[in-house]
Amino acid sequence: MNVTLISGRSLGQAKSKVTGKFTEEYLRNVAVCELHPEDLKALGIAPGQNVRVSTKSGTVVARSAVASQASQRGVVFMPYGPWVNMVVPSETSGTGMPSLKGIEAEVTAAPNEKLLDLRSLVEQMTSGR
């Protein structure tokens, strides 16, 4: 399913940062892709099952969730953090800050793919260096 990815702060992301980025709470609140309920149905998955989010910049597995705020079909939200950083383009167009909104992405059902914890995600990111 082709979607538009936006990222931003979320209350869960902000609160769990305080408890530590290597905690289950942080994983639960940041390694998530929020979708419109009809998009979940179209993918044939239930909230809580994993999805694969892919862009020109990379791919990551995240837990699916029903959008916590008003949403529209075809728009997904991922909180700021290492998981969304895997798929955000690094190009800054001279601003020094990558665009975190309006990113073309593809979301597919991935119920049998593993959601990586932060240590494993960082190991994957740095394994080629």
C-alpha atoms as a PDB file:
ATOM      1  CA  MET A   1       0.000   0.000   0.000  1.00  0.00           C
ATOM      2  CA  ASN A   2       1.443   3.351  -1.047  1.00  0.00           C
ATOM      3  CA  VAL A   3       1.166   5.942   1.723  1.00  0.00           C
ATOM      4  CA  THR A   4       2.452   9.312   2.867  1.00  0.00           C
ATOM      5  CA  LEU A   5       4.590   9.033   5.989  1.00  0.00           C
ATOM      6  CA  ILE A   6       4.717  11.799   8.551  1.00  0.00           C
ATOM      7  CA  SER A   7       6.722  11.820  11.749  1.00  0.00           C
ATOM      8  CA  GLY A   8       6.584  13.915  14.859  1.00  0.00           C
ATOM      9  CA  ARG A   9       6.535  13.893  18.600  1.00  0.00           C
ATOM     10  CA  SER A  10       4.001  11.833  20.483  1.00  0.00           C
ATOM     11  CA  LEU A  11       3.115  11.810  24.149  1.00  0.00           C
ATOM     12  CA  GLY A  12       4.147   8.148  24.479  1.00  0.00           C
ATOM     13  CA  GLN A  13       7.475   8.825  22.774  1.00  0.00           C
ATOM     14  CA  ALA A  14       8.203  11.784  25.046  1.00  0.00           C
ATOM     15  CA  LYS A  15       7.235   9.982  28.263  1.00  0.00           C
ATOM     16  CA  SER A  16       9.112   6.777  27.469  1.00  0.00           C
ATOM     17  CA  LYS A  17      12.305   8.691  26.578  1.00  0.00           C
ATOM     18  CA  VAL A  18      12.515   9.541  30.271  1.00  0.00           C
ATOM     19  CA  THR A  19      12.410   5.874  31.327  1.00  0.00           C
ATOM     20  CA  GLY A  20      15.219   5.051  28.903  1.00  0.00           C
ATOM     21  CA  LYS A  21      15.603   4.259  25.239  1.00  0.00           C
ATOM     22  CA  PHE A  22      16.494   0.621  25.920  1.00  0.00           C
ATOM     23  CA  THR A  23      13.253  -0.145  27.785  1.00  0.00           C
ATOM     24  CA  GLU A  24      10.231  -2.114  26.594  1.00  0.00           C
ATOM     25  CA  GLU A  25       8.140   1.020  27.125  1.00  0.00           C
ATOM     26  CA  TYR A  26      10.249   2.988  24.642  1.00  0.00           C
ATOM     27  CA  LEU A  27      10.079   0.143  22.109  1.00  0.00           C
ATOM     28  CA  ARG A  28       6.300  -0.041  22.489  1.00  0.00           C
ATOM     29  CA  ASN A  29       5.857   3.721  22.029  1.00  0.00           C
ATOM     30  CA  VAL A  30       8.376   4.469  19.289  1.00  0.00           C
ATOM     31  CA  ALA A  31       8.658   1.362  17.079  1.00  0.00           C
ATOM     32  CA  VAL A  32       5.104   1.899  15.875  1.00  0.00           C
ATOM     33  CA  CYS A  33       3.333   2.857  12.660  1.00  0.00           C
ATOM     34  CA  GLU A  34      -0.115   4.362  13.163  1.00  0.00           C
ATOM     35  CA  LEU A  35      -2.611   3.759  10.354  1.00  0.00           C
ATOM     36  CA  HIS A  36      -6.213   4.621   9.559  1.00  0.00           C
ATOM     37  CA  PRO A  37      -8.497   1.696  10.580  1.00  0.00           C
ATOM     38  CA  GLU A  38      -9.560   1.150   6.946  1.00  0.00           C
ATOM     39  CA  ASP A  39      -5.900   0.914   5.883  1.00  0.00           C
ATOM     40  CA  LEU A  40      -5.333  -1.787   8.501  1.00  0.00           C
ATOM     41  CA  LYS A  41      -8.288  -3.676   7.048  1.00  0.00           C
ATOM     42  CA  ALA A  42      -6.958  -3.244   3.506  1.00  0.00           C
ATOM     43  CA  LEU A  43      -3.637  -4.737   4.621  1.00  0.00           C
ATOM     44  CA  GLY A  44      -5.498  -7.629   6.230  1.00  0.00           C
ATOM     45  CA  ILE A  45      -3.950  -7.150   9.653  1.00  0.00           C
ATOM     46  CA  ALA A  46      -5.096  -6.347  13.157  1.00  0.00           C
ATOM     47  CA  PRO A  47      -3.616  -3.588  15.311  1.00  0.00           C
ATOM     48  CA  GLY A  48      -0.477  -4.857  17.018  1.00  0.00           C
ATOM     49  CA  GLN A  49       0.718  -6.958  14.094  1.00  0.00           C
ATOM     50  CA  ASN A  50       3.951  -5.934  12.429  1.00  0.00           C
ATOM     51  CA  VAL A  51       4.211  -3.947   9.215  1.00  0.00           C
ATOM     52  CA  ARG A  52       7.161  -3.237   6.962  1.00  0.00           C
ATOM     53  CA  VAL A  53       7.633   0.443   6.111  1.00  0.00           C
ATOM     54  CA  SER A  54       9.804   1.104   3.052  1.00  0.00           C
ATOM     55  CA  THR A  55      10.999   4.313   1.414  1.00  0.00           C
ATOM     56  CA  LYS A  56      13.766   5.157  -1.049  1.00  0.00           C
ATOM     57  CA  SER A  57      16.004   5.530   2.016  1.00  0.00           C
ATOM     58  CA  GLY A  58      15.430   2.198   3.732  1.00  0.00           C
ATOM     59  CA  THR A  59      13.112  -0.306   5.322  1.00  0.00           C
ATOM     60  CA  VAL A  60      12.067  -0.994   8.887  1.00  0.00           C
ATOM     61  CA  VAL A  61       9.605  -3.262  10.685  1.00  0.00           C
ATOM     62  CA  ALA A  62       7.260  -1.577  13.168  1.00  0.00           C
ATOM     63  CA  ARG A  63       4.211  -2.564  15.170  1.00  0.00           C
ATOM     64  CA  SER A  64       0.941  -1.401  13.630  1.00  0.00           C
ATOM     65  CA  ALA A  65      -1.569   0.645  15.592  1.00  0.00           C
ATOM     66  CA  VAL A  66      -4.802   2.482  14.939  1.00  0.00           C
ATOM     67  CA  ALA A  67      -4.038   6.174  14.508  1.00  0.00           C
ATOM     68  CA  SER A  68      -4.299   7.872  17.911  1.00  0.00           C
ATOM     69  CA  GLN A  69      -5.466  11.162  16.403  1.00  0.00           C
ATOM     70  CA  ALA A  70      -7.742  12.029  13.523  1.00  0.00           C
ATOM     71  CA  SER A  71      -6.246  10.548  10.392  1.00  0.00           C
ATOM     72  CA  GLN A  72      -7.043  10.016   6.771  1.00  0.00           C
ATOM     73  CA  ARG A  73      -6.563   6.984   4.587  1.00  0.00           C
ATOM     74  CA  GLY A  74      -3.164   6.709   3.015  1.00  0.00           C
ATOM     75  CA  VAL A  75      -1.383   8.752   5.686  1.00  0.00           C
ATOM     76  CA  VAL A  76       0.675   6.973   8.350  1.00  0.00           C
ATOM     77  CA  PHE A  77       2.409   8.382  11.410  1.00  0.00           C
ATOM     78  CA  MET A  78       5.588   7.194  13.118  1.00  0.00           C
ATOM     79  CA  PRO A  79       6.961   8.927  16.236  1.00  0.00           C
ATOM     80  CA  TYR A  80      10.425  10.457  16.177  1.00  0.00           C
ATOM     81  CA  GLY A  81      13.053   7.881  17.003  1.00  0.00           C
ATOM     82  CA  PRO A  82      15.456   5.315  15.590  1.00  0.00           C
ATOM     83  CA  TRP A  83      12.819   3.293  13.723  1.00  0.00           C
ATOM     84  CA  VAL A  84      11.526   6.178  11.634  1.00  0.00           C
ATOM     85  CA  ASN A  85      15.114   7.360  11.168  1.00  0.00           C
ATOM     86  CA  MET A  86      15.704   4.148   9.191  1.00  0.00           C
ATOM     87  CA  VAL A  87      13.316   5.352   6.465  1.00  0.00           C
ATOM     88  CA  VAL A  88      13.681   9.153   6.530  1.00  0.00           C
ATOM     89  CA  PRO A  89      15.807  10.553   3.690  1.00  0.00           C
ATOM     90  CA  SER A  90      19.062  12.089   4.911  1.00  0.00           C
ATOM     91  CA  GLU A  91      18.919  14.895   2.327  1.00  0.00           C
ATOM     92  CA  THR A  92      18.481  18.259   4.051  1.00  0.00           C
ATOM     93  CA  SER A  93      18.320  20.595   1.033  1.00  0.00           C
ATOM     94  CA  GLY A  94      20.793  22.862   2.818  1.00  0.00           C
ATOM     95  CA  THR A  95      18.688  23.294   5.964  1.00  0.00           C
ATOM     96  CA  GLY A  96      20.625  20.838   8.129  1.00  0.00           C
ATOM     97  CA  MET A  97      17.377  19.081   9.027  1.00  0.00           C
ATOM     98  CA  PRO A  98      15.891  16.213   7.003  1.00  0.00           C
ATOM     99  CA  SER A  99      12.253  16.408   5.999  1.00  0.00           C
ATOM    100  CA  LEU A 100      10.157  14.412   8.435  1.00  0.00           C
ATOM    101  CA  LYS A 101       6.816  14.977   6.737  1.00  0.00           C
ATOM    102  CA  GLY A 102       5.277  14.017   3.417  1.00  0.00           C
ATOM    103  CA  ILE A 103       7.586  11.084   2.682  1.00  0.00           C
ATOM    104  CA  GLU A 104       6.458   8.641  -0.010  1.00  0.00           C
ATOM    105  CA  ALA A 105       6.404   5.184   1.528  1.00  0.00           C
ATOM    106  CA  GLU A 106       5.037   1.710   1.099  1.00  0.00           C
ATOM    107  CA  VAL A 107       3.517  -0.233   3.977  1.00  0.00           C
ATOM    108  CA  THR A 108       3.048  -3.984   3.759  1.00  0.00           C
ATOM    109  CA  ALA A 109       1.825  -6.551   6.251  1.00  0.00           C
ATOM    110  CA  ALA A 110       4.734  -8.298   7.976  1.00  0.00           C
ATOM    111  CA  PRO A 111       3.136 -10.346  10.773  1.00  0.00           C
ATOM    112  CA  ASN A 112       5.946 -12.913  10.728  1.00  0.00           C
ATOM    113  CA  GLU A 113       8.841 -10.462  10.608  1.00  0.00           C
ATOM    114  CA  LYS A 114      10.697  -9.615  13.786  1.00  0.00           C
ATOM    115  CA  LEU A 115      10.469  -6.179  15.381  1.00  0.00           C
ATOM    116  CA  LEU A 116      14.039  -5.302  16.343  1.00  0.00           C
ATOM    117  CA  ASP A 117      14.811  -3.832  19.740  1.00  0.00           C
ATOM    118  CA  LEU A 118      17.032  -0.746  19.808  1.00  0.00           C
ATOM    119  CA  ARG A 119      20.324  -2.611  20.295  1.00  0.00           C
ATOM    120  CA  SER A 120      19.575  -4.924  17.366  1.00  0.00           C
ATOM    121  CA  LEU A 121      18.441  -2.009  15.210  1.00  0.00           C
ATOM    122  CA  VAL A 122      21.683  -0.104  15.887  1.00  0.00           C
ATOM    123  CA  GLU A 123      23.726  -3.257  15.160  1.00  0.00           C
ATOM    124  CA  GLN A 124      21.890  -3.624  11.843  1.00  0.00           C
ATOM    125  CA  MET A 125      22.508   0.048  11.000  1.00  0.00           C
ATOM    126  CA  THR A 126      26.237  -0.151  11.740  1.00  0.00           C
ATOM    127  CA  SER A 127      27.026  -3.657  10.487  1.00  0.00           C
ATOM    128  CA  GLY A 128      28.148  -2.404   7.098  1.00  0.00           C
ATOM    129  CA  ARG A 129      30.602   0.122   8.512  1.00  0.00           C
END
